[in-house]
């Protein structure tokens, strides 16, 4: 089960600073799987979905905090293009669009133009 960037951001914000935290989480998940087996599927199905929304909002907030370091228009443009394509089409195309935008827009400013 992958917890992705949102899970890592949440772990970091709650104090996880080393790889040991990820190991501890992995061991805990293995133990839960071994102890509860297939009955854990039922537990996850009856878990209140209303709890997921605040968790996702908090993880999204933690990830969005990186945007406050952006000071140039081209950095914001790369994030905006990536976001639009992710929401419009899918994550893979959004990632590719962001990479292309980065390749095109970032070197322009580094050469001293458009600042």
C-alpha atoms as a PDB file:
ATOM      1  CA  UNK A   1       0.000   0.000   0.000  1.00  0.00           C
ATOM      2  CA  UNK A   2       1.578   3.261  -1.124  1.00  0.00           C
ATOM      3  CA  UNK A   3       1.052   6.346   0.988  1.00  0.00           C
ATOM      4  CA  UNK A   4       2.540   8.689  -1.631  1.00  0.00           C
ATOM      5  CA  UNK A   5       3.712  12.246  -1.228  1.00  0.00           C
ATOM      6  CA  UNK A   6       0.705  13.260   0.865  1.00  0.00           C
ATOM      7  CA  UNK A   7       1.460  10.549   3.394  1.00  0.00           C
ATOM      8  CA  UNK A   8       5.098  11.552   3.575  1.00  0.00           C
ATOM      9  CA  UNK A   9       4.150  15.211   4.068  1.00  0.00           C
ATOM     10  CA  UNK A  10       1.767  14.272   6.862  1.00  0.00           C
ATOM     11  CA  UNK A  11       4.366  12.043   8.515  1.00  0.00           C
ATOM     12  CA  UNK A  12       6.954  14.822   8.348  1.00  0.00           C
ATOM     13  CA  UNK A  13       4.564  17.401   9.785  1.00  0.00           C
ATOM     14  CA  UNK A  14       3.834  15.084  12.712  1.00  0.00           C
ATOM     15  CA  UNK A  15       7.522  14.701  13.530  1.00  0.00           C
ATOM     16  CA  UNK A  16       8.934  11.945  11.312  1.00  0.00           C
ATOM     17  CA  UNK A  17      12.465  13.009  10.378  1.00  0.00           C
ATOM     18  CA  UNK A  18      14.346   9.788   9.650  1.00  0.00           C
ATOM     19  CA  UNK A  19      13.932   6.603   7.667  1.00  0.00           C
ATOM     20  CA  UNK A  20      13.132   4.794  10.907  1.00  0.00           C
ATOM     21  CA  UNK A  21       9.624   6.261  10.848  1.00  0.00           C
ATOM     22  CA  UNK A  22       8.922   4.635   7.481  1.00  0.00           C
ATOM     23  CA  UNK A  23      10.341   1.330   8.729  1.00  0.00           C
ATOM     24  CA  UNK A  24       8.141   1.510  11.834  1.00  0.00           C
ATOM     25  CA  UNK A  25       5.084   2.219   9.680  1.00  0.00           C
ATOM     26  CA  UNK A  26       5.938  -0.723   7.417  1.00  0.00           C
ATOM     27  CA  UNK A  27       6.380  -3.089  10.366  1.00  0.00           C
ATOM     28  CA  UNK A  28       3.076  -1.899  11.822  1.00  0.00           C
ATOM     29  CA  UNK A  29       1.281  -2.550   8.520  1.00  0.00           C
ATOM     30  CA  UNK A  30       2.797  -6.036   8.262  1.00  0.00           C
ATOM     31  CA  UNK A  31       1.727  -6.854  11.834  1.00  0.00           C
ATOM     32  CA  UNK A  32      -1.809  -5.593  11.213  1.00  0.00           C
ATOM     33  CA  UNK A  33      -1.964  -7.709   8.049  1.00  0.00           C
ATOM     34  CA  UNK A  34      -0.706 -10.814   9.837  1.00  0.00           C
ATOM     35  CA  UNK A  35      -2.917 -10.364  12.889  1.00  0.00           C
ATOM     36  CA  UNK A  36      -6.164  -9.410  11.173  1.00  0.00           C
ATOM     37  CA  UNK A  37      -5.770 -11.074   7.760  1.00  0.00           C
ATOM     38  CA  UNK A  38      -8.783 -10.691   5.526  1.00  0.00           C
ATOM     39  CA  UNK A  39     -10.943  -9.226   8.299  1.00  0.00           C
ATOM     40  CA  UNK A  40      -9.044  -5.950   7.911  1.00  0.00           C
ATOM     41  CA  UNK A  41     -10.788  -5.506   4.535  1.00  0.00           C
ATOM     42  CA  UNK A  42     -14.125  -5.332   6.321  1.00  0.00           C
ATOM     43  CA  UNK A  43     -12.738  -2.828   8.819  1.00  0.00           C
ATOM     44  CA  UNK A  44     -11.449  -0.593   6.024  1.00  0.00           C
ATOM     45  CA  UNK A  45     -14.813  -0.792   4.250  1.00  0.00           C
ATOM     46  CA  UNK A  46     -16.720   0.426   7.318  1.00  0.00           C
ATOM     47  CA  UNK A  47     -14.151   3.115   8.170  1.00  0.00           C
ATOM     48  CA  UNK A  48     -15.953   6.482   8.110  1.00  0.00           C
ATOM     49  CA  UNK A  49     -15.171   8.208   4.835  1.00  0.00           C
ATOM     50  CA  UNK A  50     -15.843  11.593   6.452  1.00  0.00           C
ATOM     51  CA  UNK A  51     -12.516  11.208   8.269  1.00  0.00           C
ATOM     52  CA  UNK A  52     -10.595  10.965   4.999  1.00  0.00           C
ATOM     53  CA  UNK A  53     -11.504  14.479   3.798  1.00  0.00           C
ATOM     54  CA  UNK A  54      -9.741  16.369   6.628  1.00  0.00           C
ATOM     55  CA  UNK A  55      -6.756  14.046   6.330  1.00  0.00           C
ATOM     56  CA  UNK A  56      -6.499  14.713   2.586  1.00  0.00           C
ATOM     57  CA  UNK A  57      -6.970  18.450   3.072  1.00  0.00           C
ATOM     58  CA  UNK A  58      -4.197  18.543   5.648  1.00  0.00           C
ATOM     59  CA  UNK A  59      -1.813  16.551   3.455  1.00  0.00           C
ATOM     60  CA  UNK A  60      -2.639  18.808   0.487  1.00  0.00           C
ATOM     61  CA  UNK A  61      -1.985  21.868   2.616  1.00  0.00           C
ATOM     62  CA  UNK A  62       1.401  20.496   3.660  1.00  0.00           C
ATOM     63  CA  UNK A  63       2.350  19.842   0.041  1.00  0.00           C
ATOM     64  CA  UNK A  64       1.150  23.262  -1.121  1.00  0.00           C
ATOM     65  CA  UNK A  65       3.383  25.049   1.385  1.00  0.00           C
ATOM     66  CA  UNK A  66       6.301  24.591  -1.015  1.00  0.00           C
ATOM     67  CA  UNK A  67       4.623  27.118  -3.324  1.00  0.00           C
ATOM     68  CA  UNK A  68       5.321  29.984  -0.931  1.00  0.00           C
ATOM     69  CA  UNK A  69       8.997  29.838  -1.933  1.00  0.00           C
ATOM     70  CA  UNK A  70       8.144  30.632  -5.551  1.00  0.00           C
ATOM     71  CA  UNK A  71       9.046  34.200  -6.386  1.00  0.00           C
ATOM     72  CA  UNK A  72       9.243  34.180 -10.181  1.00  0.00           C
ATOM     73  CA  UNK A  73       6.417  33.987 -12.704  1.00  0.00           C
ATOM     74  CA  UNK A  74       7.933  31.023 -14.531  1.00  0.00           C
ATOM     75  CA  UNK A  75       8.033  28.848 -11.410  1.00  0.00           C
ATOM     76  CA  UNK A  76       4.358  29.549 -10.818  1.00  0.00           C
ATOM     77  CA  UNK A  77       3.611  28.868 -14.501  1.00  0.00           C
ATOM     78  CA  UNK A  78       5.188  25.401 -14.293  1.00  0.00           C
ATOM     79  CA  UNK A  79       3.053  24.520 -11.258  1.00  0.00           C
ATOM     80  CA  UNK A  80      -0.079  25.942 -12.864  1.00  0.00           C
ATOM     81  CA  UNK A  81       0.451  24.081 -16.163  1.00  0.00           C
ATOM     82  CA  UNK A  82       1.113  20.824 -14.311  1.00  0.00           C
ATOM     83  CA  UNK A  83      -1.993  21.236 -12.166  1.00  0.00           C
ATOM     84  CA  UNK A  84      -4.263  22.100 -15.079  1.00  0.00           C
ATOM     85  CA  UNK A  85      -3.171  19.077 -17.110  1.00  0.00           C
ATOM     86  CA  UNK A  86      -3.468  16.733 -14.117  1.00  0.00           C
ATOM     87  CA  UNK A  87      -7.017  17.900 -13.436  1.00  0.00           C
ATOM     88  CA  UNK A  88      -8.010  18.107 -17.109  1.00  0.00           C
ATOM     89  CA  UNK A  89      -6.547  14.834 -18.426  1.00  0.00           C
ATOM     90  CA  UNK A  90      -4.611  12.646 -15.998  1.00  0.00           C
ATOM     91  CA  UNK A  91      -1.569  12.517 -13.755  1.00  0.00           C
ATOM     92  CA  UNK A  92       0.820  11.101 -16.331  1.00  0.00           C
ATOM     93  CA  UNK A  93       0.059  13.753 -18.951  1.00  0.00           C
ATOM     94  CA  UNK A  94       0.168  16.445 -16.253  1.00  0.00           C
ATOM     95  CA  UNK A  95       3.599  15.236 -15.207  1.00  0.00           C
ATOM     96  CA  UNK A  96       4.821  15.314 -18.814  1.00  0.00           C
ATOM     97  CA  UNK A  97       3.327  18.771 -19.378  1.00  0.00           C
ATOM     98  CA  UNK A  98       5.059  20.018 -16.231  1.00  0.00           C
ATOM     99  CA  UNK A  99       8.394  18.593 -17.396  1.00  0.00           C
ATOM    100  CA  UNK A 100       8.031  20.256 -20.798  1.00  0.00           C
ATOM    101  CA  UNK A 101       7.026  23.551 -19.175  1.00  0.00           C
ATOM    102  CA  UNK A 102      10.028  23.341 -16.877  1.00  0.00           C
ATOM    103  CA  UNK A 103      12.412  22.659 -19.756  1.00  0.00           C
ATOM    104  CA  UNK A 104      11.008  25.588 -21.726  1.00  0.00           C
ATOM    105  CA  UNK A 105      10.394  28.181 -19.006  1.00  0.00           C
ATOM    106  CA  UNK A 106      13.070  27.743 -16.356  1.00  0.00           C
ATOM    107  CA  UNK A 107      16.195  28.197 -18.544  1.00  0.00           C
ATOM    108  CA  UNK A 108      14.710  31.412 -19.981  1.00  0.00           C
ATOM    109  CA  UNK A 109      15.012  33.135 -16.627  1.00  0.00           C
ATOM    110  CA  UNK A 110      18.424  31.646 -15.874  1.00  0.00           C
ATOM    111  CA  UNK A 111      19.793  33.245 -19.045  1.00  0.00           C
ATOM    112  CA  UNK A 112      18.760  36.616 -17.663  1.00  0.00           C
ATOM    113  CA  UNK A 113      15.588  37.234 -19.657  1.00  0.00           C
ATOM    114  CA  UNK A 114      12.075  37.964 -18.429  1.00  0.00           C
ATOM    115  CA  UNK A 115      13.014  38.765 -14.835  1.00  0.00           C
END
